[in-house]
């Protein structure tokens, strides 16, 4: 439901969106916007409308000129207070002739205006720290969220960027709803739990698959870095996508990373991938600030018996072997999962719990490192 005056269901909303965008024509009398880029999805929540359009990479630049008219048309739909367009790229079949000439940079998030000129990325951010893992499923995003909130509770001004384009989870973990505001063609980060946050998950329906090729992912990451009004921050925490692929390399090359924190479970199979993650950062000359052992042990909530389901101490031994700091152990507790699903990071919602204290200790250690980094920079 979108409200008393808006479309009552998904089908009605989509029809209203398509009808509004059909009135937007290229050059005033050319093809309609829906003919160039069909509607792929639409979501309306508390007056904030997010619309994704399927567009070929060749046609993406044409939509820039239509953005303002499209936004105005969408905001005339009853119940819509503000609208955001997201472009989802689809490659056209390659012709049998010479390859197409390279076009302008990919800007899959439709913000309006011309692409920003090359400029220093995040010049007002004191330190930028990547939270990474060599593989998925080790609790990297949960660690990133609680670390960021914990750093804010340490008195630092903190930004949290969800760089996992294909699997954004920060909106659910932070309890965020609705679409971010756009001012003068720039996204405004959402303030919550004492920090500023941004995720592609705030711009698309969580049920929509992000079927984007590498160049579109790279373009979205660059926009989230350079076309969001982050403002002055002591530290930016980047929740990296899992693995060691193009997205990780782009962030390491384009973002002024001060260091990286690698999250792993204690088991050998996870530590193999953690080593690959550390090796990647070393090759990119990004200092590894330390390892975190997540799911380190499980304590029965009834009897208190401790069980080391995935082994124990593997990340500490790996840190010692690699010559990097060991930053701490996070237990495997149902409360961590429950708090993440409820959008209430446990370091803030239950700071006196075992998990809350573990994340607070991690944040305290990292805050000291950040202050040392800033001292060297100064």
Protein backbone atom coordinates (compact mmCIF):
# COMPACT_ATOMS: atom_id res chain seq x y z
CA UNK A 1 0.00 0.00 0.00
CA UNK A 2 1.36 3.40 -0.88
CA UNK A 3 -1.08 5.63 0.92
CA UNK A 4 -4.67 6.82 0.71
CA UNK A 5 -4.22 8.66 -2.58
CA UNK A 6 -1.65 6.53 -4.37
CA UNK A 7 -1.95 3.39 -6.51
CA UNK A 8 -3.33 0.56 -4.41
CA UNK A 9 -1.20 -2.35 -5.62
CA UNK A 10 1.89 -3.25 -7.66
CA UNK A 11 -0.04 -3.62 -10.92
CA UNK A 12 -1.76 -0.26 -10.49
CA UNK A 13 1.52 1.41 -9.58
CA UNK A 14 3.31 0.01 -12.62
CA UNK A 15 0.46 1.09 -14.90
CA UNK A 16 0.53 4.61 -13.44
CA UNK A 17 4.31 4.79 -13.88
CA UNK A 18 4.16 3.59 -17.49
CA UNK A 19 1.37 6.04 -18.28
CA UNK A 20 3.34 8.93 -16.78
CA UNK A 21 6.59 8.06 -18.58
CA UNK A 22 4.79 7.58 -21.90
CA UNK A 23 4.13 11.33 -21.88
CA UNK A 24 7.87 12.08 -21.83
CA UNK A 25 9.16 12.21 -25.40
CA UNK A 26 12.63 12.73 -26.79
CA UNK A 27 12.85 16.20 -28.29
CA UNK A 28 9.22 16.81 -27.36
CA UNK A 29 7.83 14.80 -30.27
CA UNK A 30 10.16 11.81 -30.65
CA UNK A 31 9.97 8.33 -29.11
CA UNK A 32 8.48 8.11 -25.66
CA UNK A 33 10.67 7.27 -22.70
CA UNK A 34 8.97 3.90 -22.31
CA UNK A 35 9.83 3.09 -25.93
CA UNK A 36 13.52 3.77 -25.25
CA UNK A 37 13.65 2.20 -21.79
CA UNK A 38 10.76 -0.05 -20.66
CA UNK A 39 9.79 -0.02 -17.01
CA UNK A 40 11.43 -2.96 -15.22
CA UNK A 41 10.20 -2.31 -11.69
CA UNK A 42 8.60 0.29 -9.44
CA UNK A 43 8.34 0.69 -5.69
CA UNK A 44 6.42 3.32 -3.70
CA UNK A 45 6.95 3.68 0.03
CA UNK A 46 5.80 6.64 2.12
CA UNK A 47 5.68 8.91 -0.90
CA UNK A 48 9.12 7.92 -2.23
CA UNK A 49 8.93 6.32 -5.68
CA UNK A 50 11.83 4.33 -7.13
CA UNK A 51 11.57 3.27 -10.78
CA UNK A 52 14.04 1.02 -12.61
CA UNK A 53 14.24 1.21 -16.40
CA UNK A 54 15.74 -1.42 -18.71
CA UNK A 55 18.05 0.40 -21.11
CA UNK A 56 20.81 -0.62 -23.47
CA UNK A 57 24.21 0.88 -22.83
CA UNK A 58 24.02 2.64 -26.18
CA UNK A 59 20.76 4.39 -25.21
CA UNK A 60 21.75 5.29 -21.65
CA UNK A 61 23.14 8.75 -22.60
CA UNK A 62 19.79 9.66 -24.25
CA UNK A 63 18.03 9.29 -20.93
CA UNK A 64 20.11 11.97 -19.25
CA UNK A 65 18.34 14.67 -21.27
CA UNK A 66 14.95 13.22 -20.34
CA UNK A 67 15.64 12.76 -16.64
CA UNK A 68 14.16 16.03 -15.35
CA UNK A 69 10.96 15.65 -17.40
CA UNK A 70 10.62 12.03 -16.33
CA UNK A 71 11.05 12.90 -12.67
CA UNK A 72 8.46 15.66 -12.94
CA UNK A 73 5.99 13.31 -14.67
CA UNK A 74 6.44 10.67 -11.97
CA UNK A 75 5.98 13.19 -9.18
CA UNK A 76 2.57 14.10 -10.63
CA UNK A 77 1.31 10.60 -9.82
CA UNK A 78 -1.06 10.82 -6.83
CA UNK A 79 0.71 9.82 -3.63
CA UNK A 80 4.24 10.43 -4.98
CA UNK A 81 6.29 13.07 -3.17
CA UNK A 82 9.66 12.42 -4.82
CA UNK A 83 10.90 10.07 -7.52
CA UNK A 84 14.21 8.42 -8.40
CA UNK A 85 15.17 6.66 -11.63
CA UNK A 86 17.59 3.72 -11.76
CA UNK A 87 18.87 2.43 -15.11
CA UNK A 88 19.43 -1.32 -15.50
CA UNK A 89 21.69 -2.06 -18.42
CA UNK A 90 21.06 -4.72 -21.04
CA UNK A 91 23.61 -5.35 -23.75
CA UNK A 92 22.31 -5.45 -27.33
CA UNK A 93 23.47 -8.35 -29.51
CA UNK A 94 26.80 -7.54 -31.13
CA UNK A 95 26.57 -6.81 -34.89
CA UNK A 96 28.68 -8.62 -37.43
CA UNK A 97 30.50 -5.41 -38.29
CA UNK A 98 33.25 -3.53 -36.48
CA UNK A 99 32.77 -3.09 -32.72
CA UNK A 100 30.99 -0.02 -31.47
CA UNK A 101 33.00 3.01 -30.47
CA UNK A 102 33.41 3.47 -26.72
CA UNK A 103 30.81 5.80 -25.26
CA UNK A 104 30.72 7.92 -22.13
CA UNK A 105 31.21 6.43 -18.68
CA UNK A 106 28.48 4.23 -17.28
CA UNK A 107 26.12 6.03 -14.88
CA UNK A 108 23.43 3.45 -14.11
CA UNK A 109 21.91 5.47 -11.26
CA UNK A 110 19.79 8.14 -12.95
CA UNK A 111 20.45 11.28 -10.92
CA UNK A 112 20.13 13.90 -13.64
CA UNK A 113 22.74 16.43 -14.69
CA UNK A 114 26.03 15.83 -16.43
CA UNK A 115 28.60 13.38 -15.11
CA UNK A 116 30.83 14.95 -12.50
CA UNK A 117 34.23 16.10 -13.68
CA UNK A 118 37.26 14.17 -12.48
CA UNK A 119 37.96 15.34 -8.95
CA UNK A 120 39.43 13.94 -5.74
CA UNK A 121 37.13 11.24 -4.36
CA UNK A 122 35.77 11.97 -0.88
CA UNK A 123 38.27 14.73 -0.02
CA UNK A 124 36.48 15.45 3.28
CA UNK A 125 36.74 11.89 4.61
CA UNK A 126 39.56 11.42 7.10
CA UNK A 127 39.96 7.66 6.66
CA UNK A 128 38.33 5.09 4.40
CA UNK A 129 38.31 1.49 5.57
CA UNK A 130 37.12 -1.52 3.57
CA UNK A 131 35.51 -4.44 5.41
CA UNK A 132 36.11 -7.41 3.16
CA UNK A 133 36.10 -11.18 2.93
CA UNK A 134 37.46 -13.61 0.40
CA UNK A 135 34.07 -15.35 0.22
CA UNK A 136 30.43 -14.80 1.12
CA UNK A 137 28.60 -16.14 4.14
CA UNK A 138 31.14 -15.27 6.83
CA UNK A 139 29.20 -12.34 8.33
CA UNK A 140 31.08 -9.52 6.63
CA UNK A 141 28.08 -7.19 6.26
CA UNK A 142 26.92 -7.77 9.83
CA UNK A 143 30.44 -6.96 11.01
CA UNK A 144 30.60 -3.83 8.83
CA UNK A 145 27.26 -2.52 10.12
CA UNK A 146 28.03 -3.10 13.80
CA UNK A 147 31.56 -1.75 13.38
CA UNK A 148 30.25 1.45 11.79
CA UNK A 149 27.60 1.95 14.49
CA UNK A 150 30.19 1.15 17.15
CA UNK A 151 32.57 3.77 15.73
CA UNK A 152 29.77 6.33 15.83
CA UNK A 153 29.25 5.44 19.49
CA UNK A 154 32.98 6.08 19.96
CA UNK A 155 32.32 9.69 18.99
CA UNK A 156 33.48 9.59 15.37
CA UNK A 157 31.51 10.97 12.42
CA UNK A 158 30.92 7.87 10.28
CA UNK A 159 29.70 7.03 6.79
CA UNK A 160 28.69 3.51 5.73
CA UNK A 161 28.73 2.60 2.03
CA UNK A 162 27.17 -0.65 0.82
CA UNK A 163 29.39 -1.56 -2.13
CA UNK A 164 27.81 -4.97 -2.68
CA UNK A 165 25.79 -4.06 -5.77
CA UNK A 166 24.46 -7.55 -6.47
CA UNK A 167 23.53 -8.36 -2.87
CA UNK A 168 22.88 -5.16 -0.92
CA UNK A 169 21.87 -5.94 2.65
CA UNK A 170 22.44 -2.71 4.56
CA UNK A 171 18.88 -1.36 4.18
CA UNK A 172 17.47 -4.41 5.98
CA UNK A 173 20.22 -4.49 8.62
CA UNK A 174 19.85 -0.77 9.40
CA UNK A 175 16.05 -0.73 9.25
CA UNK A 176 15.97 1.69 6.31
CA UNK A 177 12.90 2.21 4.11
CA UNK A 178 12.05 4.53 1.26
CA UNK A 179 14.17 6.20 -1.38
CA UNK A 180 16.97 8.67 -0.59
CA UNK A 181 16.38 12.31 -1.44
CA UNK A 182 18.04 13.80 -4.51
CA UNK A 183 19.14 17.44 -4.41
CA UNK A 184 20.59 19.12 -7.48
CA UNK A 185 21.31 15.74 -9.04
CA UNK A 186 23.12 14.38 -5.98
CA UNK A 187 21.95 11.65 -3.63
CA UNK A 188 21.63 12.49 0.05
CA UNK A 189 22.83 9.77 2.43
CA UNK A 190 20.36 8.56 5.02
CA UNK A 191 21.12 9.35 8.65
CA UNK A 192 20.40 6.52 11.08
CA UNK A 193 22.01 5.01 14.20
CA UNK A 194 24.34 8.00 14.44
CA UNK A 195 25.89 7.59 10.99
CA UNK A 196 25.28 8.33 7.29
CA UNK A 197 24.50 5.39 5.02
CA UNK A 198 23.96 4.71 1.32
CA UNK A 199 23.16 1.53 -0.60
CA UNK A 200 21.95 0.64 -4.07
CA UNK A 201 19.35 -1.38 -2.16
CA UNK A 202 17.60 1.90 -1.31
CA UNK A 203 17.08 2.61 -5.00
CA UNK A 204 15.69 -0.70 -6.23
CA UNK A 205 13.05 -3.12 -5.04
CA UNK A 206 14.66 -5.78 -2.83
CA UNK A 207 12.88 -8.42 -4.92
CA UNK A 208 14.54 -7.19 -8.11
CA UNK A 209 17.64 -9.04 -9.35
CA UNK A 210 20.58 -6.75 -10.13
CA UNK A 211 21.52 -8.34 -13.46
CA UNK A 212 24.32 -5.94 -14.32
CA UNK A 213 27.50 -6.57 -16.24
CA UNK A 214 30.85 -5.43 -14.89
CA UNK A 215 30.91 -1.93 -16.45
CA UNK A 216 27.51 -1.07 -14.97
CA UNK A 217 28.61 -2.26 -11.52
CA UNK A 218 31.76 -0.16 -11.80
CA UNK A 219 29.71 2.86 -12.86
CA UNK A 220 27.31 2.46 -9.94
CA UNK A 221 30.20 2.20 -7.46
CA UNK A 222 31.79 5.36 -8.84
CA UNK A 223 28.47 7.20 -8.53
CA UNK A 224 27.96 6.04 -4.94
CA UNK A 225 31.43 7.35 -4.14
CA UNK A 226 31.43 10.59 -6.11
CA UNK A 227 27.77 11.62 -6.52
CA UNK A 228 26.55 11.29 -2.93
CA UNK A 229 26.74 14.25 -0.54
CA UNK A 230 28.66 12.49 2.21
CA UNK A 231 30.03 15.69 3.72
CA UNK A 232 32.93 15.78 6.21
CA UNK A 233 33.50 12.44 7.96
CA UNK A 234 36.10 11.04 10.30
CA UNK A 235 35.81 7.64 8.68
CA UNK A 236 33.98 5.88 5.86
CA UNK A 237 33.32 2.14 6.29
CA UNK A 238 32.87 0.32 2.98
CA UNK A 239 31.03 -3.00 3.05
CA UNK A 240 32.86 -4.66 0.17
CA UNK A 241 31.34 -7.32 -2.07
CA UNK A 242 32.71 -10.81 -1.35
CA UNK A 243 35.57 -12.17 -3.39
CA UNK A 244 38.45 -10.62 -5.32
CA UNK A 245 36.94 -9.51 -8.62
CA UNK A 246 36.40 -6.35 -10.66
CA UNK A 247 34.35 -4.54 -8.03
CA UNK A 248 37.02 -4.97 -5.38
CA UNK A 249 39.76 -3.83 -7.76
CA UNK A 250 37.75 -0.78 -8.83
CA UNK A 251 37.21 0.29 -5.23
CA UNK A 252 40.85 -0.27 -4.36
CA UNK A 253 41.93 1.77 -7.39
CA UNK A 254 39.33 4.57 -7.32
CA UNK A 255 38.72 5.03 -3.61
CA UNK A 256 41.37 6.46 -1.26
CA UNK A 257 41.39 3.40 0.97
CA UNK A 258 43.33 3.89 4.20
CA UNK A 259 43.20 0.20 5.03
CA UNK A 260 41.19 -3.00 5.00
CA UNK A 261 39.73 -5.29 7.64
CA UNK A 262 39.27 -8.92 6.60
CA UNK A 263 36.50 -11.01 8.17
CA UNK A 264 36.73 -14.81 8.31
CA UNK A 265 35.33 -17.75 10.21
CA UNK A 266 37.87 -20.01 11.95
CA UNK A 267 37.60 -22.95 9.55
CA UNK A 268 40.40 -23.68 7.09
CA UNK A 269 38.22 -23.37 3.97
CA UNK A 270 37.28 -19.80 4.90
CA UNK A 271 40.85 -18.88 5.83
CA UNK A 272 42.03 -19.91 2.36
CA UNK A 273 39.79 -17.23 0.88
CA UNK A 274 40.78 -14.74 3.57
CA UNK A 275 44.39 -15.16 2.46
CA UNK A 276 43.35 -14.33 -1.10
CA UNK A 277 41.62 -11.20 0.16
CA UNK A 278 44.70 -10.07 2.04
CA UNK A 279 46.88 -10.80 -0.98
CA UNK A 280 44.64 -8.67 -3.18
CA UNK A 281 44.94 -5.68 -0.85
CA UNK A 282 48.69 -6.14 -0.59
CA UNK A 283 48.98 -6.07 -4.39
CA UNK A 284 46.87 -2.90 -4.44
CA UNK A 285 49.11 -1.42 -1.73
CA UNK A 286 46.22 -1.11 0.71
CA UNK A 287 47.34 -1.88 4.29
CA UNK A 288 45.54 -4.78 5.98
CA UNK A 289 44.59 -3.38 9.38
CA UNK A 290 43.75 -6.79 10.78
CA UNK A 291 41.60 -9.91 10.83
CA UNK A 292 38.31 -10.50 12.65
CA UNK A 293 37.23 -14.03 13.57
CA UNK A 294 33.46 -14.18 13.19
CA UNK A 295 31.32 -17.11 14.41
CA UNK A 296 34.24 -17.86 16.69
CA UNK A 297 32.23 -19.96 19.13
CA UNK A 298 28.65 -20.72 20.12
CA UNK A 299 27.28 -20.53 23.66
CA UNK A 300 24.07 -22.41 24.40
CA UNK A 301 21.49 -19.86 25.63
CA UNK A 302 20.05 -22.44 28.04
CA UNK A 303 23.06 -24.04 29.71
CA UNK A 304 25.88 -21.71 28.67
CA UNK A 305 27.97 -24.56 27.24
CA UNK A 306 30.49 -23.32 24.69
CA UNK A 307 30.84 -25.14 21.37
CA UNK A 308 33.35 -24.29 18.67
CA UNK A 309 31.25 -25.20 15.64
CA UNK A 310 33.77 -24.00 13.03
CA UNK A 311 36.90 -24.56 15.06
CA UNK A 312 38.53 -21.73 16.98
CA UNK A 313 41.60 -19.56 16.73
CA UNK A 314 42.15 -20.00 13.02
CA UNK A 315 41.94 -16.29 12.22
CA UNK A 316 44.25 -15.41 15.12
CA UNK A 317 46.85 -17.91 13.86
CA UNK A 318 46.45 -16.60 10.31
CA UNK A 319 46.95 -13.02 11.50
CA UNK A 320 50.10 -14.00 13.34
CA UNK A 321 51.38 -15.86 10.27
CA UNK A 322 50.66 -12.86 8.00
CA UNK A 323 52.08 -10.35 10.45
CA UNK A 324 48.87 -8.34 10.78
CA UNK A 325 46.89 -7.48 13.92
CA UNK A 326 44.19 -9.80 15.21
CA UNK A 327 41.22 -7.55 15.96
CA UNK A 328 38.98 -9.84 17.97
CA UNK A 329 36.46 -12.68 18.15
CA UNK A 330 32.72 -12.37 17.49
CA UNK A 331 30.55 -15.19 18.84
CA UNK A 332 27.86 -17.04 16.90
CA UNK A 333 24.65 -15.99 18.62
CA UNK A 334 21.01 -16.03 17.54
CA UNK A 335 20.60 -12.47 18.86
CA UNK A 336 23.02 -11.18 16.20
CA UNK A 337 20.92 -12.72 13.44
CA UNK A 338 17.67 -11.53 14.97
CA UNK A 339 18.90 -7.94 15.43
CA UNK A 340 20.12 -7.82 11.82
CA UNK A 341 16.77 -9.05 10.51
CA UNK A 342 14.97 -6.47 12.66
CA UNK A 343 17.15 -3.57 11.45
CA UNK A 344 18.59 -2.87 14.90
CA UNK A 345 22.40 -3.35 15.06
CA UNK A 346 23.10 -5.22 18.27
CA UNK A 347 26.01 -2.98 19.28
CA UNK A 348 23.41 -0.22 19.76
CA UNK A 349 20.19 -2.11 20.49
CA UNK A 350 21.73 -4.43 23.10
CA UNK A 351 25.14 -2.94 24.00
CA UNK A 352 25.43 -4.95 27.25
CA UNK A 353 24.90 -8.30 25.55
CA UNK A 354 27.84 -10.60 24.81
CA UNK A 355 27.60 -9.75 21.10
CA UNK A 356 27.18 -6.03 21.79
CA UNK A 357 30.30 -5.98 23.94
CA UNK A 358 32.28 -7.94 21.33
CA UNK A 359 31.41 -5.47 18.56
CA UNK A 360 32.04 -2.50 20.88
CA UNK A 361 35.52 -3.88 21.66
CA UNK A 362 36.20 -4.24 17.94
CA UNK A 363 35.04 -0.66 17.31
CA UNK A 364 37.21 0.64 20.16
CA UNK A 365 40.29 -1.05 18.70
CA UNK A 366 39.58 0.21 15.18
CA UNK A 367 38.84 3.75 16.47
CA UNK A 368 42.32 3.87 17.97
CA UNK A 369 43.76 2.79 14.61
CA UNK A 370 41.76 5.49 12.80
CA UNK A 371 43.05 8.17 15.15
CA UNK A 372 46.62 7.00 14.51
CA UNK A 373 46.03 7.10 10.74
CA UNK A 374 44.63 10.61 10.96
CA UNK A 375 47.58 11.69 13.09
CA UNK A 376 50.02 10.47 10.43
CA UNK A 377 48.03 12.21 7.69
CA UNK A 378 48.08 15.44 9.66
